[in-house]
Amino acid sequence: MSYVKPAELVPTLVDAGASKVLLSTRDTLVRSTMGGAILAIAAAFAVTVTVTTGHAVLGAVLFPVGFIMLYLLGYDLLTGMFVLGPLAWLDKRPGVTLRAVLRNWGLVFVGNFLGAFAVAVMMAIVVTYGFDTPPNEVGQAIGHIGEGRTVGYAEHGASGMLTLFVRGMLCNWMVSMGVVGAMIAKDVPGKAIAMWMPIMLFFFMSFEHSIVNMFLFPSGLLLGGEFTVMDYLVWNEIPTVLGNLVGGLVLTGLPLYLTHGRPKARRAAADLPGPGAGDAAPTSATSSKELVGEPV
């Protein structure tokens, strides 16, 4: 697969972040709603595979198809914007203010939740024949996932909250590596492979992804899970969102920017001897047009 060098990759990430932050409200909501919906249906698919085959690793291997589809279609996830938006702000791109980044995060959160919740309702209808029968085996599994990952953490108090936060960090370290990996590759097979590996890892290891949880926990409540909305918010969604933010930004975005993205680092890369070492990075004007459809 064609490979983008790190010194060229970071300006591409910054351009993508600026394009996303400056999108209209309509486009941001449409893209984030569809992103949440596709990731939710992929989570439902992975749970179904795990339940019907009895092999959790198979569900994890197949789950990334949802992430790959939403990326290639240009849809957005909050976890990706936790990385790309701040990089554009740090690079002082025109119009990318702290307020604009926070506005983008808010809109993407709302859109992701709307899409994931819509799929949660539809899947609840599917596994109960329109709420006419008790949940089938897949529906029961989804309900129990919600219980274990809310009240299960609450049973351990502060230690449970710490564990939840760290799982959120580790999750978006991997998810954001999928975002970055997709931009490292230039062709569709390369993008798919680069995204597949870290997404499979986070799902199999049960790390906490705020958008996947927007599907799993409302589904659990609809299917008779023994936890409450407050359990979901306090003992999962809010800490997970914060962990996703810290993990994606501190473990992926900032290291790449500090070593490859600052003007000094870019000049150093351009001064390296060897074929192609001085190739110019994509300009903001060109890349913004090319990347306005890039998903996160």
C-alpha atoms as a PDB file:
ATOM      1  CA  MET A   1       0.000   0.000   0.000  1.00  0.00           C
ATOM      2  CA  SER A   2       1.141   3.580  -0.614  1.00  0.00           C
ATOM      3  CA  TYR A   3       2.480   5.160   2.563  1.00  0.00           C
ATOM      4  CA  VAL A   4       2.370   8.749   3.830  1.00  0.00           C
ATOM      5  CA  LYS A   5       5.400   9.720   5.906  1.00  0.00           C
ATOM      6  CA  PRO A   6       4.754  11.097   9.428  1.00  0.00           C
ATOM      7  CA  ALA A   7       6.081  14.548   8.542  1.00  0.00           C
ATOM      8  CA  GLU A   8       3.453  14.755   5.780  1.00  0.00           C
ATOM      9  CA  LEU A   9       0.790  12.982   7.816  1.00  0.00           C
ATOM     10  CA  VAL A  10       0.456  15.560  10.595  1.00  0.00           C
ATOM     11  CA  PRO A  11      -0.399  18.499   8.295  1.00  0.00           C
ATOM     12  CA  THR A  12      -3.001  16.205   6.741  1.00  0.00           C
ATOM     13  CA  LEU A  13      -4.500  15.516  10.180  1.00  0.00           C
ATOM     14  CA  VAL A  14      -4.517  19.238  10.957  1.00  0.00           C
ATOM     15  CA  ASP A  15      -6.206  20.057   7.644  1.00  0.00           C
ATOM     16  CA  ALA A  16      -8.837  17.384   8.276  1.00  0.00           C
ATOM     17  CA  GLY A  17      -9.496  18.777  11.766  1.00  0.00           C
ATOM     18  CA  ALA A  18      -9.891  22.316  10.466  1.00  0.00           C
ATOM     19  CA  SER A  19     -12.284  21.170   7.743  1.00  0.00           C
ATOM     20  CA  LYS A  20     -14.421  19.283  10.270  1.00  0.00           C
ATOM     21  CA  VAL A  21     -14.534  22.091  12.837  1.00  0.00           C
ATOM     22  CA  LEU A  22     -15.626  24.587  10.172  1.00  0.00           C
ATOM     23  CA  LEU A  23     -18.416  22.390   8.743  1.00  0.00           C
ATOM     24  CA  SER A  24     -21.960  23.738   8.857  1.00  0.00           C
ATOM     25  CA  THR A  25     -24.312  22.613  11.603  1.00  0.00           C
ATOM     26  CA  ARG A  26     -26.400  20.623   9.123  1.00  0.00           C
ATOM     27  CA  ASP A  27     -23.460  18.735   7.655  1.00  0.00           C
ATOM     28  CA  THR A  28     -21.964  18.027  11.071  1.00  0.00           C
ATOM     29  CA  LEU A  29     -25.240  16.615  12.392  1.00  0.00           C
ATOM     30  CA  VAL A  30     -25.924  14.508   9.296  1.00  0.00           C
ATOM     31  CA  ARG A  31     -22.448  13.042   9.225  1.00  0.00           C
ATOM     32  CA  SER A  32     -22.291  12.354  12.958  1.00  0.00           C
ATOM     33  CA  THR A  33     -25.785  10.842  13.049  1.00  0.00           C
ATOM     34  CA  MET A  34     -24.913   8.418  10.289  1.00  0.00           C
ATOM     35  CA  GLY A  35     -21.543   7.690  11.900  1.00  0.00           C
ATOM     36  CA  GLY A  36     -23.218   6.757  15.189  1.00  0.00           C
ATOM     37  CA  ALA A  37     -25.818   4.634  13.403  1.00  0.00           C
ATOM     38  CA  ILE A  38     -23.299   2.632  11.359  1.00  0.00           C
ATOM     39  CA  LEU A  39     -21.058   2.002  14.359  1.00  0.00           C
ATOM     40  CA  ALA A  40     -24.120   0.894  16.341  1.00  0.00           C
ATOM     41  CA  ILE A  41     -25.221  -1.622  13.731  1.00  0.00           C
ATOM     42  CA  ALA A  42     -21.653  -2.950  13.641  1.00  0.00           C
ATOM     43  CA  ALA A  43     -21.766  -3.411  17.427  1.00  0.00           C
ATOM     44  CA  ALA A  44     -25.082  -5.262  17.108  1.00  0.00           C
ATOM     45  CA  PHE A  45     -23.520  -7.431  14.408  1.00  0.00           C
ATOM     46  CA  ALA A  46     -20.493  -8.224  16.598  1.00  0.00           C
ATOM     47  CA  VAL A  47     -22.686  -9.191  19.559  1.00  0.00           C
ATOM     48  CA  THR A  48     -24.820 -11.371  17.280  1.00  0.00           C
ATOM     49  CA  VAL A  49     -21.738 -13.133  15.910  1.00  0.00           C
ATOM     50  CA  THR A  50     -20.366 -13.685  19.413  1.00  0.00           C
ATOM     51  CA  VAL A  51     -23.654 -15.100  20.739  1.00  0.00           C
ATOM     52  CA  THR A  52     -24.424 -17.340  17.774  1.00  0.00           C
ATOM     53  CA  THR A  53     -20.911 -18.754  17.383  1.00  0.00           C
ATOM     54  CA  GLY A  54     -19.765 -18.684  21.000  1.00  0.00           C
ATOM     55  CA  HIS A  55     -16.468 -17.084  19.956  1.00  0.00           C
ATOM     56  CA  ALA A  56     -15.937 -13.513  21.151  1.00  0.00           C
ATOM     57  CA  VAL A  57     -12.784 -13.137  19.095  1.00  0.00           C
ATOM     58  CA  LEU A  58     -14.786 -13.661  15.907  1.00  0.00           C
ATOM     59  CA  GLY A  59     -17.115 -10.804  16.835  1.00  0.00           C
ATOM     60  CA  ALA A  60     -14.085  -8.590  17.464  1.00  0.00           C
ATOM     61  CA  VAL A  61     -12.508  -9.566  14.147  1.00  0.00           C
ATOM     62  CA  LEU A  62     -15.675  -8.569  12.256  1.00  0.00           C
ATOM     63  CA  PHE A  63     -16.666  -5.442  14.222  1.00  0.00           C
ATOM     64  CA  PRO A  64     -14.246  -3.104  12.357  1.00  0.00           C
ATOM     65  CA  VAL A  65     -16.318  -3.379   9.169  1.00  0.00           C
ATOM     66  CA  GLY A  66     -18.601  -0.698  10.629  1.00  0.00           C
ATOM     67  CA  PHE A  67     -15.744   1.691  11.361  1.00  0.00           C
ATOM     68  CA  ILE A  68     -14.307   1.163   7.891  1.00  0.00           C
ATOM     69  CA  MET A  69     -17.670   1.805   6.203  1.00  0.00           C
ATOM     70  CA  LEU A  70     -18.370   5.015   8.089  1.00  0.00           C
ATOM     71  CA  TYR A  71     -14.842   6.272   7.441  1.00  0.00           C
ATOM     72  CA  LEU A  72     -14.993   5.632   3.702  1.00  0.00           C
ATOM     73  CA  LEU A  73     -18.391   7.355   3.522  1.00  0.00           C
ATOM     74  CA  GLY A  74     -17.063  10.478   5.222  1.00  0.00           C
ATOM     75  CA  TYR A  75     -19.072  10.227   8.455  1.00  0.00           C
ATOM     76  CA  ASP A  76     -17.905  11.443  11.860  1.00  0.00           C
ATOM     77  CA  LEU A  77     -17.357  10.131  15.370  1.00  0.00           C
ATOM     78  CA  LEU A  78     -16.731  12.161  18.501  1.00  0.00           C
ATOM     79  CA  THR A  79     -13.704  10.019  19.337  1.00  0.00           C
ATOM     80  CA  GLY A  80     -11.948  11.117  16.148  1.00  0.00           C
ATOM     81  CA  MET A  81     -12.772  14.784  16.661  1.00  0.00           C
ATOM     82  CA  PHE A  82     -11.194  14.606  20.127  1.00  0.00           C
ATOM     83  CA  VAL A  83      -7.912  14.307  18.209  1.00  0.00           C
ATOM     84  CA  LEU A  84      -8.357  16.269  14.992  1.00  0.00           C
ATOM     85  CA  GLY A  85     -10.116  19.367  16.361  1.00  0.00           C
ATOM     86  CA  PRO A  86      -7.481  20.231  18.999  1.00  0.00           C
ATOM     87  CA  LEU A  87      -4.652  19.704  16.489  1.00  0.00           C
ATOM     88  CA  ALA A  88      -6.192  22.296  14.162  1.00  0.00           C
ATOM     89  CA  TRP A  89      -6.572  24.661  17.136  1.00  0.00           C
ATOM     90  CA  LEU A  90      -2.968  24.137  18.257  1.00  0.00           C
ATOM     91  CA  ASP A  91      -1.815  24.840  14.707  1.00  0.00           C
ATOM     92  CA  LYS A  92      -3.778  28.133  14.811  1.00  0.00           C
ATOM     93  CA  ARG A  93      -5.764  27.474  11.673  1.00  0.00           C
ATOM     94  CA  PRO A  94      -7.972  30.439  10.689  1.00  0.00           C
ATOM     95  CA  GLY A  95     -11.425  30.221  12.257  1.00  0.00           C
ATOM     96  CA  VAL A  96     -10.539  27.252  14.474  1.00  0.00           C
ATOM     97  CA  THR A  97     -11.071  28.741  17.925  1.00  0.00           C
ATOM     98  CA  LEU A  98     -11.551  26.896  21.192  1.00  0.00           C
ATOM     99  CA  ARG A  99     -15.231  27.811  21.036  1.00  0.00           C
ATOM    100  CA  ALA A 100     -15.497  26.370  17.521  1.00  0.00           C
ATOM    101  CA  VAL A 101     -13.877  23.103  18.639  1.00  0.00           C
ATOM    102  CA  LEU A 102     -16.243  22.800  21.609  1.00  0.00           C
ATOM    103  CA  ARG A 103     -19.217  23.570  19.355  1.00  0.00           C
ATOM    104  CA  ASN A 104     -18.126  20.796  16.998  1.00  0.00           C
ATOM    105  CA  TRP A 105     -17.779  18.323  19.858  1.00  0.00           C
ATOM    106  CA  GLY A 106     -21.266  19.164  21.105  1.00  0.00           C
ATOM    107  CA  LEU A 107     -22.870  18.730  17.692  1.00  0.00           C
ATOM    108  CA  VAL A 108     -21.046  15.482  16.970  1.00  0.00           C
ATOM    109  CA  PHE A 109     -22.013  14.103  20.399  1.00  0.00           C
ATOM    110  CA  VAL A 110     -25.675  14.868  19.714  1.00  0.00           C
ATOM    111  CA  GLY A 111     -25.531  13.391  16.221  1.00  0.00           C
ATOM    112  CA  ASN A 112     -23.720  10.240  17.335  1.00  0.00           C
ATOM    113  CA  PHE A 113     -26.271   9.697  20.098  1.00  0.00           C
ATOM    114  CA  LEU A 114     -29.237  10.194  17.765  1.00  0.00           C
ATOM    115  CA  GLY A 115     -27.860   7.661  15.285  1.00  0.00           C
ATOM    116  CA  ALA A 116     -26.904   5.095  17.918  1.00  0.00           C
ATOM    117  CA  PHE A 117     -30.198   5.449  19.768  1.00  0.00           C
ATOM    118  CA  ALA A 118     -32.213   5.030  16.557  1.00  0.00           C
ATOM    119  CA  VAL A 119     -30.410   1.742  15.881  1.00  0.00           C
ATOM    120  CA  ALA A 120     -30.933   0.709  19.524  1.00  0.00           C
ATOM    121  CA  VAL A 121     -34.693   1.120  19.110  1.00  0.00           C
ATOM    122  CA  MET A 122     -34.721  -0.737  15.798  1.00  0.00           C
ATOM    123  CA  MET A 123     -32.647  -3.613  17.153  1.00  0.00           C
ATOM    124  CA  ALA A 124     -34.888  -3.839  20.231  1.00  0.00           C
ATOM    125  CA  ILE A 125     -37.836  -4.225  17.865  1.00  0.00           C
ATOM    126  CA  VAL A 126     -35.990  -6.924  15.895  1.00  0.00           C
ATOM    127  CA  VAL A 127     -35.012  -9.078  18.901  1.00  0.00           C
ATOM    128  CA  THR A 128     -38.477  -8.879  20.512  1.00  0.00           C
ATOM    129  CA  TYR A 129     -40.725  -9.077  17.420  1.00  0.00           C
ATOM    130  CA  GLY A 130     -41.864  -5.509  18.014  1.00  0.00           C
ATOM    131  CA  PHE A 131     -41.874  -5.920  21.837  1.00  0.00           C
ATOM    132  CA  ASP A 132     -44.352  -8.779  21.495  1.00  0.00           C
ATOM    133  CA  THR A 133     -42.031 -11.435  22.943  1.00  0.00           C
ATOM    134  CA  PRO A 134     -39.198 -11.505  25.502  1.00  0.00           C
ATOM    135  CA  PRO A 135     -35.751 -10.651  24.053  1.00  0.00           C
ATOM    136  CA  ASN A 136     -34.096 -13.452  22.155  1.00  0.00           C
ATOM    137  CA  GLU A 137     -30.614 -14.709  22.990  1.00  0.00           C
ATOM    138  CA  VAL A 138     -28.891 -11.726  21.380  1.00  0.00           C
ATOM    139  CA  GLY A 139     -31.193  -9.246  23.143  1.00  0.00           C
ATOM    140  CA  GLN A 140     -30.521 -10.890  26.497  1.00  0.00           C
ATOM    141  CA  ALA A 141     -26.771 -10.645  25.905  1.00  0.00           C
ATOM    142  CA  ILE A 142     -27.030  -6.933  25.136  1.00  0.00           C
ATOM    143  CA  GLY A 143     -29.015  -6.332  28.321  1.00  0.00           C
ATOM    144  CA  HIS A 144     -26.400  -8.088  30.440  1.00  0.00           C
ATOM    145  CA  ILE A 145     -23.576  -6.089  28.842  1.00  0.00           C
ATOM    146  CA  GLY A 146     -25.233  -2.916  30.125  1.00  0.00           C
ATOM    147  CA  GLU A 147     -25.518  -4.303  33.640  1.00  0.00           C
ATOM    148  CA  GLY A 148     -21.928  -5.448  33.940  1.00  0.00           C
ATOM    149  CA  ARG A 149     -20.500  -2.193  32.627  1.00  0.00           C
ATOM    150  CA  THR A 150     -22.490   0.139  34.876  1.00  0.00           C
ATOM    151  CA  VAL A 151     -23.393  -1.367  38.226  1.00  0.00           C
ATOM    152  CA  GLY A 152     -20.397  -3.674  37.774  1.00  0.00           C
ATOM    153  CA  TYR A 153     -18.106  -0.655  37.998  1.00  0.00           C
ATOM    154  CA  ALA A 154     -20.190   0.955  40.750  1.00  0.00           C
ATOM    155  CA  GLU A 155     -19.633  -2.035  43.007  1.00  0.00           C
ATOM    156  CA  HIS A 156     -15.945  -1.116  43.165  1.00  0.00           C
ATOM    157  CA  GLY A 157     -16.494   2.568  43.964  1.00  0.00           C
ATOM    158  CA  ALA A 158     -13.550   4.856  43.170  1.00  0.00           C
ATOM    159  CA  SER A 159     -11.485   1.923  41.893  1.00  0.00           C
ATOM    160  CA  GLY A 160     -14.277   1.065  39.472  1.00  0.00           C
ATOM    161  CA  MET A 161     -14.436   4.666  38.261  1.00  0.00           C
ATOM    162  CA  LEU A 162     -10.671   4.707  37.724  1.00  0.00           C
ATOM    163  CA  THR A 163     -10.861   1.461  35.778  1.00  0.00           C
ATOM    164  CA  LEU A 164     -13.668   2.840  33.621  1.00  0.00           C
ATOM    165  CA  PHE A 165     -11.716   6.034  32.888  1.00  0.00           C
ATOM    166  CA  VAL A 166      -8.550   4.136  31.967  1.00  0.00           C
ATOM    167  CA  ARG A 167     -10.503   1.768  29.701  1.00  0.00           C
ATOM    168  CA  GLY A 168     -11.884   4.870  27.977  1.00  0.00           C
ATOM    169  CA  MET A 169      -8.354   6.211  27.511  1.00  0.00           C
ATOM    170  CA  LEU A 170      -7.041   2.952  26.095  1.00  0.00           C
ATOM    171  CA  CYS A 171     -10.042   2.676  23.802  1.00  0.00           C
ATOM    172  CA  ASN A 172      -9.544   5.997  22.067  1.00  0.00           C
ATOM    173  CA  TRP A 173      -5.805   5.482  21.885  1.00  0.00           C
ATOM    174  CA  MET A 174      -6.614   2.552  19.622  1.00  0.00           C
ATOM    175  CA  VAL A 175      -9.573   4.161  17.820  1.00  0.00           C
ATOM    176  CA  SER A 176      -7.608   7.322  17.056  1.00  0.00           C
ATOM    177  CA  MET A 177      -4.771   5.139  15.777  1.00  0.00           C
ATOM    178  CA  GLY A 178      -7.332   3.744  13.366  1.00  0.00           C
ATOM    179  CA  VAL A 179      -8.167   7.272  12.218  1.00  0.00           C
ATOM    180  CA  VAL A 180      -4.498   8.126  11.787  1.00  0.00           C
ATOM    181  CA  GLY A 181      -3.764   4.792  10.138  1.00  0.00           C
ATOM    182  CA  ALA A 182      -6.415   5.412   7.517  1.00  0.00           C
ATOM    183  CA  MET A 183      -4.678   8.663   6.554  1.00  0.00           C
ATOM    184  CA  ILE A 184      -1.289   6.959   6.394  1.00  0.00           C
ATOM    185  CA  ALA A 185      -2.550   4.742   3.576  1.00  0.00           C
ATOM    186  CA  LYS A 186      -3.546   6.099   0.170  1.00  0.00           C
ATOM    187  CA  ASP A 187      -5.610   3.215  -1.233  1.00  0.00           C
ATOM    188  CA  VAL A 188      -8.770   1.525   0.044  1.00  0.00           C
ATOM    189  CA  PRO A 189      -7.187  -1.852   0.942  1.00  0.00           C
ATOM    190  CA  GLY A 190      -4.410  -0.080   2.835  1.00  0.00           C
ATOM    191  CA  LYS A 191      -6.863   2.117   4.710  1.00  0.00           C
ATOM    192  CA  ALA A 192      -8.981  -0.906   5.645  1.00  0.00           C
ATOM    193  CA  ILE A 193      -6.004  -2.847   7.000  1.00  0.00           C
ATOM    194  CA  ALA A 194      -4.661   0.131   8.958  1.00  0.00           C
ATOM    195  CA  MET A 195      -8.076   0.732  10.536  1.00  0.00           C
ATOM    196  CA  TRP A 196      -8.877  -2.921  11.172  1.00  0.00           C
ATOM    197  CA  MET A 197      -6.043  -3.758  13.549  1.00  0.00           C
ATOM    198  CA  PRO A 198      -6.496  -1.186  16.361  1.00  0.00           C
ATOM    199  CA  ILE A 199     -10.317  -1.292  16.177  1.00  0.00           C
ATOM    200  CA  MET A 200     -10.314  -5.078  16.550  1.00  0.00           C
ATOM    201  CA  LEU A 201      -7.963  -4.745  19.529  1.00  0.00           C
ATOM    202  CA  PHE A 202     -10.121  -2.260  21.456  1.00  0.00           C
ATOM    203  CA  PHE A 203     -13.320  -4.231  20.898  1.00  0.00           C
ATOM    204  CA  PHE A 204     -11.947  -7.605  21.948  1.00  0.00           C
ATOM    205  CA  MET A 205     -10.349  -6.164  25.081  1.00  0.00           C
ATOM    206  CA  SER A 206     -13.675  -4.555  26.140  1.00  0.00           C
ATOM    207  CA  PHE A 207     -12.311  -1.030  26.286  1.00  0.00           C
ATOM    208  CA  GLU A 208     -14.973   1.660  26.656  1.00  0.00           C
ATOM    209  CA  HIS A 209     -16.047   3.543  23.520  1.00  0.00           C
ATOM    210  CA  SER A 210     -18.547   6.328  24.149  1.00  0.00           C
ATOM    211  CA  ILE A 211     -20.399   5.924  20.829  1.00  0.00           C
ATOM    212  CA  VAL A 212     -20.626   2.115  20.986  1.00  0.00           C
ATOM    213  CA  ASN A 213     -22.013   2.585  24.499  1.00  0.00           C
ATOM    214  CA  MET A 214     -24.641   4.997  23.153  1.00  0.00           C
ATOM    215  CA  PHE A 215     -26.057   1.897  21.460  1.00  0.00           C
ATOM    216  CA  LEU A 216     -25.398  -0.822  24.037  1.00  0.00           C
ATOM    217  CA  PHE A 217     -26.831   0.901  27.097  1.00  0.00           C
ATOM    218  CA  PRO A 218     -30.056   2.348  25.675  1.00  0.00           C
ATOM    219  CA  SER A 219     -30.553  -1.093  24.096  1.00  0.00           C
ATOM    220  CA  GLY A 220     -30.038  -2.703  27.487  1.00  0.00           C
ATOM    221  CA  LEU A 221     -32.611  -0.411  29.088  1.00  0.00           C
ATOM    222  CA  LEU A 222     -35.131  -1.170  26.334  1.00  0.00           C
ATOM    223  CA  LEU A 223     -34.508  -4.905  26.737  1.00  0.00           C
ATOM    224  CA  GLY A 224     -34.937  -5.111  30.490  1.00  0.00           C
ATOM    225  CA  GLY A 225     -31.383  -4.583  31.734  1.00  0.00           C
ATOM    226  CA  GLU A 226     -31.232  -4.068  35.495  1.00  0.00           C
ATOM    227  CA  PHE A 227     -29.657  -0.630  35.628  1.00  0.00           C
ATOM    228  CA  THR A 228     -30.951   2.940  35.378  1.00  0.00           C
ATOM    229  CA  VAL A 229     -30.366   5.925  33.120  1.00  0.00           C
ATOM    230  CA  MET A 230     -28.358   7.551  35.934  1.00  0.00           C
ATOM    231  CA  ASP A 231     -26.255   4.383  36.259  1.00  0.00           C
ATOM    232  CA  TYR A 232     -25.536   4.647  32.539  1.00  0.00           C
ATOM    233  CA  LEU A 233     -24.603   8.328  32.659  1.00  0.00           C
ATOM    234  CA  VAL A 234     -22.598   8.371  35.905  1.00  0.00           C
ATOM    235  CA  TRP A 235     -21.044   4.916  35.753  1.00  0.00           C
ATOM    236  CA  ASN A 236     -20.315   4.769  32.058  1.00  0.00           C
ATOM    237  CA  GLU A 237     -21.050   7.482  29.494  1.00  0.00           C
ATOM    238  CA  ILE A 238     -19.611  10.576  31.207  1.00  0.00           C
ATOM    239  CA  PRO A 239     -16.374   8.955  32.460  1.00  0.00           C
ATOM    240  CA  THR A 240     -15.997   7.163  29.139  1.00  0.00           C
ATOM    241  CA  VAL A 241     -16.278  10.403  27.170  1.00  0.00           C
ATOM    242  CA  LEU A 242     -13.611  12.003  29.387  1.00  0.00           C
ATOM    243  CA  GLY A 243     -11.354   8.962  29.085  1.00  0.00           C
ATOM    244  CA  ASN A 244     -11.795   8.941  25.295  1.00  0.00           C
ATOM    245  CA  LEU A 245     -10.833  12.626  25.177  1.00  0.00           C
ATOM    246  CA  VAL A 246      -7.680  12.190  27.253  1.00  0.00           C
ATOM    247  CA  GLY A 247      -6.611   8.973  25.543  1.00  0.00           C
ATOM    248  CA  GLY A 248      -7.032  10.188  21.984  1.00  0.00           C
ATOM    249  CA  LEU A 249      -5.431  13.569  22.553  1.00  0.00           C
ATOM    250  CA  VAL A 250      -2.604  12.654  24.953  1.00  0.00           C
ATOM    251  CA  LEU A 251      -1.641   9.254  23.541  1.00  0.00           C
ATOM    252  CA  THR A 252      -2.134   9.895  19.810  1.00  0.00           C
ATOM    253  CA  GLY A 253      -2.666  13.515  18.770  1.00  0.00           C
ATOM    254  CA  LEU A 254      -0.153  15.415  20.903  1.00  0.00           C
ATOM    255  CA  PRO A 255       2.804  13.022  20.472  1.00  0.00           C
ATOM    256  CA  LEU A 256       2.443  13.139  16.698  1.00  0.00           C
ATOM    257  CA  TYR A 257       2.040  16.917  16.667  1.00  0.00           C
ATOM    258  CA  LEU A 258       4.931  17.621  19.038  1.00  0.00           C
ATOM    259  CA  THR A 259       7.446  15.510  17.175  1.00  0.00           C
ATOM    260  CA  HIS A 260       6.238  15.898  13.577  1.00  0.00           C
ATOM    261  CA  GLY A 261       3.739  18.741  13.380  1.00  0.00           C
ATOM    262  CA  ARG A 262       5.258  21.872  14.896  1.00  0.00           C
ATOM    263  CA  PRO A 263       6.881  24.292  12.419  1.00  0.00           C
ATOM    264  CA  LYS A 264      10.353  23.440  13.807  1.00  0.00           C
ATOM    265  CA  ALA A 265       9.721  19.714  13.374  1.00  0.00           C
ATOM    266  CA  ARG A 266       8.443  20.254   9.851  1.00  0.00           C
ATOM    267  CA  ARG A 267      11.549  22.269   8.913  1.00  0.00           C
ATOM    268  CA  ALA A 268      13.787  19.570  10.373  1.00  0.00           C
ATOM    269  CA  ALA A 269      12.013  16.907   8.334  1.00  0.00           C
ATOM    270  CA  ALA A 270      12.286  19.011   5.189  1.00  0.00           C
ATOM    271  CA  ASP A 271      16.052  19.475   5.750  1.00  0.00           C
ATOM    272  CA  LEU A 272      16.753  15.736   5.994  1.00  0.00           C
ATOM    273  CA  PRO A 273      18.896  14.450   3.111  1.00  0.00           C
ATOM    274  CA  GLY A 274      17.671  11.777   0.772  1.00  0.00           C
ATOM    275  CA  PRO A 275      15.125  11.351  -1.999  1.00  0.00           C
ATOM    276  CA  GLY A 276      11.809  12.935  -1.196  1.00  0.00           C
ATOM    277  CA  ALA A 277      12.982  14.271   2.169  1.00  0.00           C
ATOM    278  CA  GLY A 278      12.237  17.823   1.194  1.00  0.00           C
ATOM    279  CA  ASP A 279       8.875  17.185  -0.386  1.00  0.00           C
ATOM    280  CA  ALA A 280       6.457  19.848   0.672  1.00  0.00           C
ATOM    281  CA  ALA A 281       3.581  18.887   2.923  1.00  0.00           C
ATOM    282  CA  PRO A 282       0.077  19.433   1.559  1.00  0.00           C
ATOM    283  CA  THR A 283      -0.949  23.056   1.698  1.00  0.00           C
ATOM    284  CA  SER A 284      -3.868  24.090   3.848  1.00  0.00           C
ATOM    285  CA  ALA A 285      -5.905  25.310   0.905  1.00  0.00           C
ATOM    286  CA  THR A 286      -5.456  22.171  -1.147  1.00  0.00           C
ATOM    287  CA  SER A 287      -5.813  19.686   1.684  1.00  0.00           C
ATOM    288  CA  SER A 288      -8.869  21.313   3.162  1.00  0.00           C
ATOM    289  CA  LYS A 289     -10.725  20.840  -0.092  1.00  0.00           C
ATOM    290  CA  GLU A 290      -9.560  17.266  -0.383  1.00  0.00           C
ATOM    291  CA  LEU A 291     -10.219  16.389   3.242  1.00  0.00           C
ATOM    292  CA  VAL A 292     -13.565  18.047   3.840  1.00  0.00           C
ATOM    293  CA  GLY A 293     -15.100  14.644   3.292  1.00  0.00           C
ATOM    294  CA  GLU A 294     -12.598  12.748   5.443  1.00  0.00           C
ATOM    295  CA  PRO A 295     -14.353  10.975   8.320  1.00  0.00           C
ATOM    296  CA  VAL A 296     -13.153  10.554  11.865  1.00  0.00           C
END
